Amino acid sequence: MALSHKHRSVLFEYLSPRVGEEVTEALMAEFPARDGDEAVTKEFLRAEVAELRTEIAGLQSRLITTFVAVSALATTIIVAFG
C-alpha cells in the first residue's frame, strides 16, 4: 500500500530526530510513494524468473540446433572440396 505525501512527511518528521535522516530515508524507501511503485511479490518474481528460464532454454535449443547444422555444413564442404 502506498503512503500519501502527508503520511510520509509525518513519519519522516517523527523518525528523523530519533534514528537519523539516513536511517529514516532507508526505511521510507521501503514504502512506495505511489500505487504504481508497489513492491514485487515473491510469487510474481518466481513467475517471471520461470518465464525467463523457459525463454533461455528455447534460445539454447535453437543455438545448439544452429551450431549442429553449421558444423554439418562445414564438414560437408571440407569433405567435398578437401
N, C-alpha and C. Protein backbone atom coordinates (compact mmCIF):
# COMPACT_ATOMS: atom_id res chain seq x y z
N MET A 1 0.84 -1.18 0.00
CA MET A 1 0.00 0.00 0.00
C MET A 1 0.88 1.23 0.00
N ALA A 2 0.57 2.18 -0.87
CA ALA A 2 1.35 3.41 -0.98
C ALA A 2 1.00 4.37 0.16
N LEU A 3 2.00 5.09 0.59
CA LEU A 3 1.79 6.11 1.62
C LEU A 3 1.58 7.46 0.94
N SER A 4 0.63 8.23 1.46
CA SER A 4 0.40 9.57 0.90
C SER A 4 1.57 10.47 1.28
N HIS A 5 1.67 11.59 0.58
CA HIS A 5 2.74 12.55 0.89
C HIS A 5 2.63 13.04 2.34
N LYS A 6 1.40 13.24 2.79
CA LYS A 6 1.16 13.69 4.17
C LYS A 6 1.69 12.66 5.17
N HIS A 7 1.36 11.40 4.96
CA HIS A 7 1.81 10.34 5.87
C HIS A 7 3.33 10.20 5.83
N ARG A 8 3.90 10.29 4.64
CA ARG A 8 5.36 10.21 4.52
C ARG A 8 6.03 11.35 5.30
N SER A 9 5.47 12.55 5.18
CA SER A 9 6.03 13.71 5.87
C SER A 9 5.96 13.55 7.39
N VAL A 10 4.80 13.10 7.87
CA VAL A 10 4.62 12.91 9.32
C VAL A 10 5.61 11.86 9.84
N LEU A 11 5.72 10.74 9.14
CA LEU A 11 6.66 9.70 9.55
C LEU A 11 8.10 10.19 9.52
N PHE A 12 8.44 10.92 8.48
CA PHE A 12 9.81 11.43 8.37
C PHE A 12 10.11 12.39 9.52
N GLU A 13 9.19 13.31 9.79
CA GLU A 13 9.40 14.28 10.87
C GLU A 13 9.50 13.59 12.23
N TYR A 14 8.75 12.51 12.43
CA TYR A 14 8.77 11.81 13.70
C TYR A 14 10.04 10.97 13.85
N LEU A 15 10.39 10.24 12.82
CA LEU A 15 11.52 9.31 12.92
C LEU A 15 12.88 9.96 12.78
N SER A 16 12.98 10.97 11.97
CA SER A 16 14.27 11.57 11.66
C SER A 16 15.06 12.01 12.90
N PRO A 17 14.46 12.71 13.86
CA PRO A 17 15.24 13.10 15.04
C PRO A 17 15.61 11.91 15.93
N ARG A 18 14.85 10.83 15.83
CA ARG A 18 15.09 9.68 16.70
C ARG A 18 16.13 8.71 16.16
N VAL A 19 16.10 8.45 14.84
CA VAL A 19 17.03 7.47 14.29
C VAL A 19 17.98 8.05 13.25
N GLY A 20 17.79 9.31 12.91
CA GLY A 20 18.65 9.97 11.93
C GLY A 20 18.02 9.97 10.54
N GLU A 21 18.45 10.94 9.73
CA GLU A 21 17.87 11.09 8.40
C GLU A 21 18.20 9.92 7.49
N GLU A 22 19.42 9.43 7.57
CA GLU A 22 19.83 8.34 6.68
C GLU A 22 18.98 7.08 6.92
N VAL A 23 18.81 6.72 8.17
CA VAL A 23 18.02 5.54 8.50
C VAL A 23 16.55 5.76 8.13
N THR A 24 16.05 6.96 8.40
CA THR A 24 14.66 7.28 8.06
C THR A 24 14.45 7.20 6.56
N GLU A 25 15.38 7.74 5.76
CA GLU A 25 15.26 7.67 4.31
C GLU A 25 15.31 6.22 3.82
N ALA A 26 16.17 5.41 4.43
CA ALA A 26 16.25 4.00 4.04
C ALA A 26 14.92 3.30 4.34
N LEU A 27 14.34 3.58 5.48
CA LEU A 27 13.05 2.99 5.84
C LEU A 27 11.95 3.47 4.89
N MET A 28 11.92 4.76 4.60
CA MET A 28 10.89 5.32 3.74
C MET A 28 11.00 4.76 2.32
N ALA A 29 12.20 4.40 1.91
CA ALA A 29 12.39 3.84 0.57
C ALA A 29 11.69 2.49 0.44
N GLU A 30 11.41 1.83 1.56
CA GLU A 30 10.73 0.54 1.53
C GLU A 30 9.21 0.68 1.34
N PHE A 31 8.70 1.88 1.49
CA PHE A 31 7.27 2.14 1.31
C PHE A 31 7.07 2.91 0.03
N PRO A 32 6.28 2.37 -0.91
CA PRO A 32 6.08 3.07 -2.18
C PRO A 32 5.38 4.41 -1.99
N ALA A 33 5.77 5.38 -2.81
CA ALA A 33 5.17 6.70 -2.73
C ALA A 33 3.88 6.76 -3.56
N ARG A 34 3.78 5.89 -4.56
CA ARG A 34 2.61 5.85 -5.43
C ARG A 34 2.15 4.40 -5.57
N ASP A 35 0.90 4.23 -5.97
CA ASP A 35 0.37 2.87 -6.14
C ASP A 35 1.14 2.10 -7.21
N GLY A 36 1.66 2.79 -8.21
CA GLY A 36 2.43 2.14 -9.26
C GLY A 36 3.78 1.66 -8.80
N ASP A 37 4.20 2.07 -7.61
CA ASP A 37 5.51 1.71 -7.08
C ASP A 37 5.44 0.51 -6.14
N GLU A 38 4.39 -0.27 -6.25
CA GLU A 38 4.23 -1.41 -5.35
C GLU A 38 5.43 -2.35 -5.42
N ALA A 39 5.77 -2.92 -4.32
CA ALA A 39 6.88 -3.86 -4.27
C ALA A 39 6.49 -5.14 -5.02
N VAL A 40 7.48 -5.79 -5.55
CA VAL A 40 7.26 -7.04 -6.28
C VAL A 40 7.08 -8.16 -5.26
N THR A 41 6.08 -9.00 -5.50
CA THR A 41 5.86 -10.13 -4.60
C THR A 41 6.78 -11.28 -5.01
N LYS A 42 7.01 -12.17 -4.08
CA LYS A 42 7.84 -13.35 -4.37
C LYS A 42 7.21 -14.19 -5.46
N GLU A 43 5.89 -14.32 -5.42
CA GLU A 43 5.19 -15.13 -6.42
C GLU A 43 5.37 -14.55 -7.81
N PHE A 44 5.25 -13.23 -7.93
CA PHE A 44 5.42 -12.58 -9.23
C PHE A 44 6.84 -12.77 -9.73
N LEU A 45 7.81 -12.58 -8.84
CA LEU A 45 9.21 -12.72 -9.23
C LEU A 45 9.50 -14.15 -9.66
N ARG A 46 8.98 -15.12 -8.93
CA ARG A 46 9.18 -16.53 -9.31
C ARG A 46 8.58 -16.82 -10.69
N ALA A 47 7.40 -16.29 -10.95
CA ALA A 47 6.76 -16.50 -12.25
C ALA A 47 7.58 -15.87 -13.37
N GLU A 48 8.11 -14.68 -13.14
CA GLU A 48 8.92 -14.01 -14.16
C GLU A 48 10.22 -14.76 -14.40
N VAL A 49 10.85 -15.24 -13.34
CA VAL A 49 12.10 -16.00 -13.48
C VAL A 49 11.83 -17.30 -14.23
N ALA A 50 10.73 -17.96 -13.93
CA ALA A 50 10.38 -19.21 -14.62
C ALA A 50 10.17 -18.94 -16.11
N GLU A 51 9.50 -17.85 -16.43
CA GLU A 51 9.28 -17.50 -17.84
C GLU A 51 10.61 -17.20 -18.53
N LEU A 52 11.48 -16.50 -17.84
CA LEU A 52 12.79 -16.19 -18.40
C LEU A 52 13.60 -17.45 -18.63
N ARG A 53 13.55 -18.38 -17.70
CA ARG A 53 14.28 -19.64 -17.86
C ARG A 53 13.74 -20.43 -19.05
N THR A 54 12.43 -20.40 -19.24
CA THR A 54 11.84 -21.08 -20.39
C THR A 54 12.32 -20.45 -21.69
N GLU A 55 12.36 -19.14 -21.75
CA GLU A 55 12.85 -18.44 -22.94
C GLU A 55 14.32 -18.76 -23.20
N ILE A 56 15.12 -18.78 -22.15
CA ILE A 56 16.55 -19.08 -22.29
C ILE A 56 16.73 -20.51 -22.78
N ALA A 57 15.95 -21.45 -22.26
CA ALA A 57 16.05 -22.84 -22.71
C ALA A 57 15.70 -22.96 -24.19
N GLY A 58 14.70 -22.23 -24.63
CA GLY A 58 14.33 -22.24 -26.05
C GLY A 58 15.44 -21.67 -26.91
N LEU A 59 16.03 -20.57 -26.47
CA LEU A 59 17.14 -19.97 -27.22
C LEU A 59 18.35 -20.90 -27.24
N GLN A 60 18.60 -21.56 -26.14
CA GLN A 60 19.72 -22.51 -26.07
C GLN A 60 19.50 -23.65 -27.05
N SER A 61 18.29 -24.14 -27.10
CA SER A 61 17.96 -25.23 -28.02
C SER A 61 18.16 -24.79 -29.47
N ARG A 62 17.69 -23.60 -29.81
CA ARG A 62 17.87 -23.08 -31.17
C ARG A 62 19.33 -22.87 -31.48
N LEU A 63 20.11 -22.40 -30.53
CA LEU A 63 21.54 -22.18 -30.74
C LEU A 63 22.26 -23.50 -31.00
N ILE A 64 21.93 -24.52 -30.23
CA ILE A 64 22.56 -25.84 -30.41
C ILE A 64 22.19 -26.41 -31.78
N THR A 65 20.92 -26.28 -32.15
CA THR A 65 20.48 -26.77 -33.45
C THR A 65 21.22 -26.05 -34.58
N THR A 66 21.36 -24.76 -34.47
CA THR A 66 22.09 -23.98 -35.48
C THR A 66 23.55 -24.39 -35.52
N PHE A 67 24.16 -24.58 -34.38
CA PHE A 67 25.56 -24.98 -34.32
C PHE A 67 25.77 -26.34 -34.99
N VAL A 68 24.88 -27.28 -34.71
CA VAL A 68 24.99 -28.61 -35.32
C VAL A 68 24.83 -28.50 -36.83
N ALA A 69 23.89 -27.71 -37.30
CA ALA A 69 23.67 -27.55 -38.74
C ALA A 69 24.88 -26.91 -39.41
N VAL A 70 25.44 -25.88 -38.81
CA VAL A 70 26.62 -25.21 -39.37
C VAL A 70 27.81 -26.17 -39.37
N SER A 71 27.96 -26.95 -38.30
CA SER A 71 29.06 -27.92 -38.23
C SER A 71 28.92 -28.98 -39.33
N ALA A 72 27.70 -29.46 -39.55
CA ALA A 72 27.46 -30.45 -40.59
C ALA A 72 27.75 -29.86 -41.96
N LEU A 73 27.33 -28.63 -42.20
CA LEU A 73 27.59 -27.96 -43.46
C LEU A 73 29.08 -27.77 -43.68
N ALA A 74 29.79 -27.33 -42.64
CA ALA A 74 31.24 -27.13 -42.75
C ALA A 74 31.93 -28.46 -43.03
N THR A 75 31.51 -29.51 -42.38
CA THR A 75 32.11 -30.84 -42.62
C THR A 75 31.87 -31.29 -44.05
N THR A 76 30.67 -31.07 -44.55
CA THR A 76 30.32 -31.43 -45.93
C THR A 76 31.19 -30.65 -46.92
N ILE A 77 31.37 -29.39 -46.68
CA ILE A 77 32.19 -28.56 -47.57
C ILE A 77 33.64 -29.01 -47.53
N ILE A 78 34.16 -29.31 -46.36
CA ILE A 78 35.55 -29.76 -46.23
C ILE A 78 35.76 -31.09 -46.95
N VAL A 79 34.81 -32.00 -46.77
CA VAL A 79 34.92 -33.31 -47.43
C VAL A 79 34.80 -33.17 -48.95
N ALA A 80 33.88 -32.32 -49.40
CA ALA A 80 33.66 -32.16 -50.84
C ALA A 80 34.83 -31.49 -51.54
N PHE A 81 35.42 -30.51 -50.91
CA PHE A 81 36.48 -29.74 -51.55
C PHE A 81 37.87 -30.03 -50.97
N GLY A 82 37.95 -30.89 -49.98
CA GLY A 82 39.21 -31.16 -49.31
C GLY A 82 40.01 -32.21 -49.91
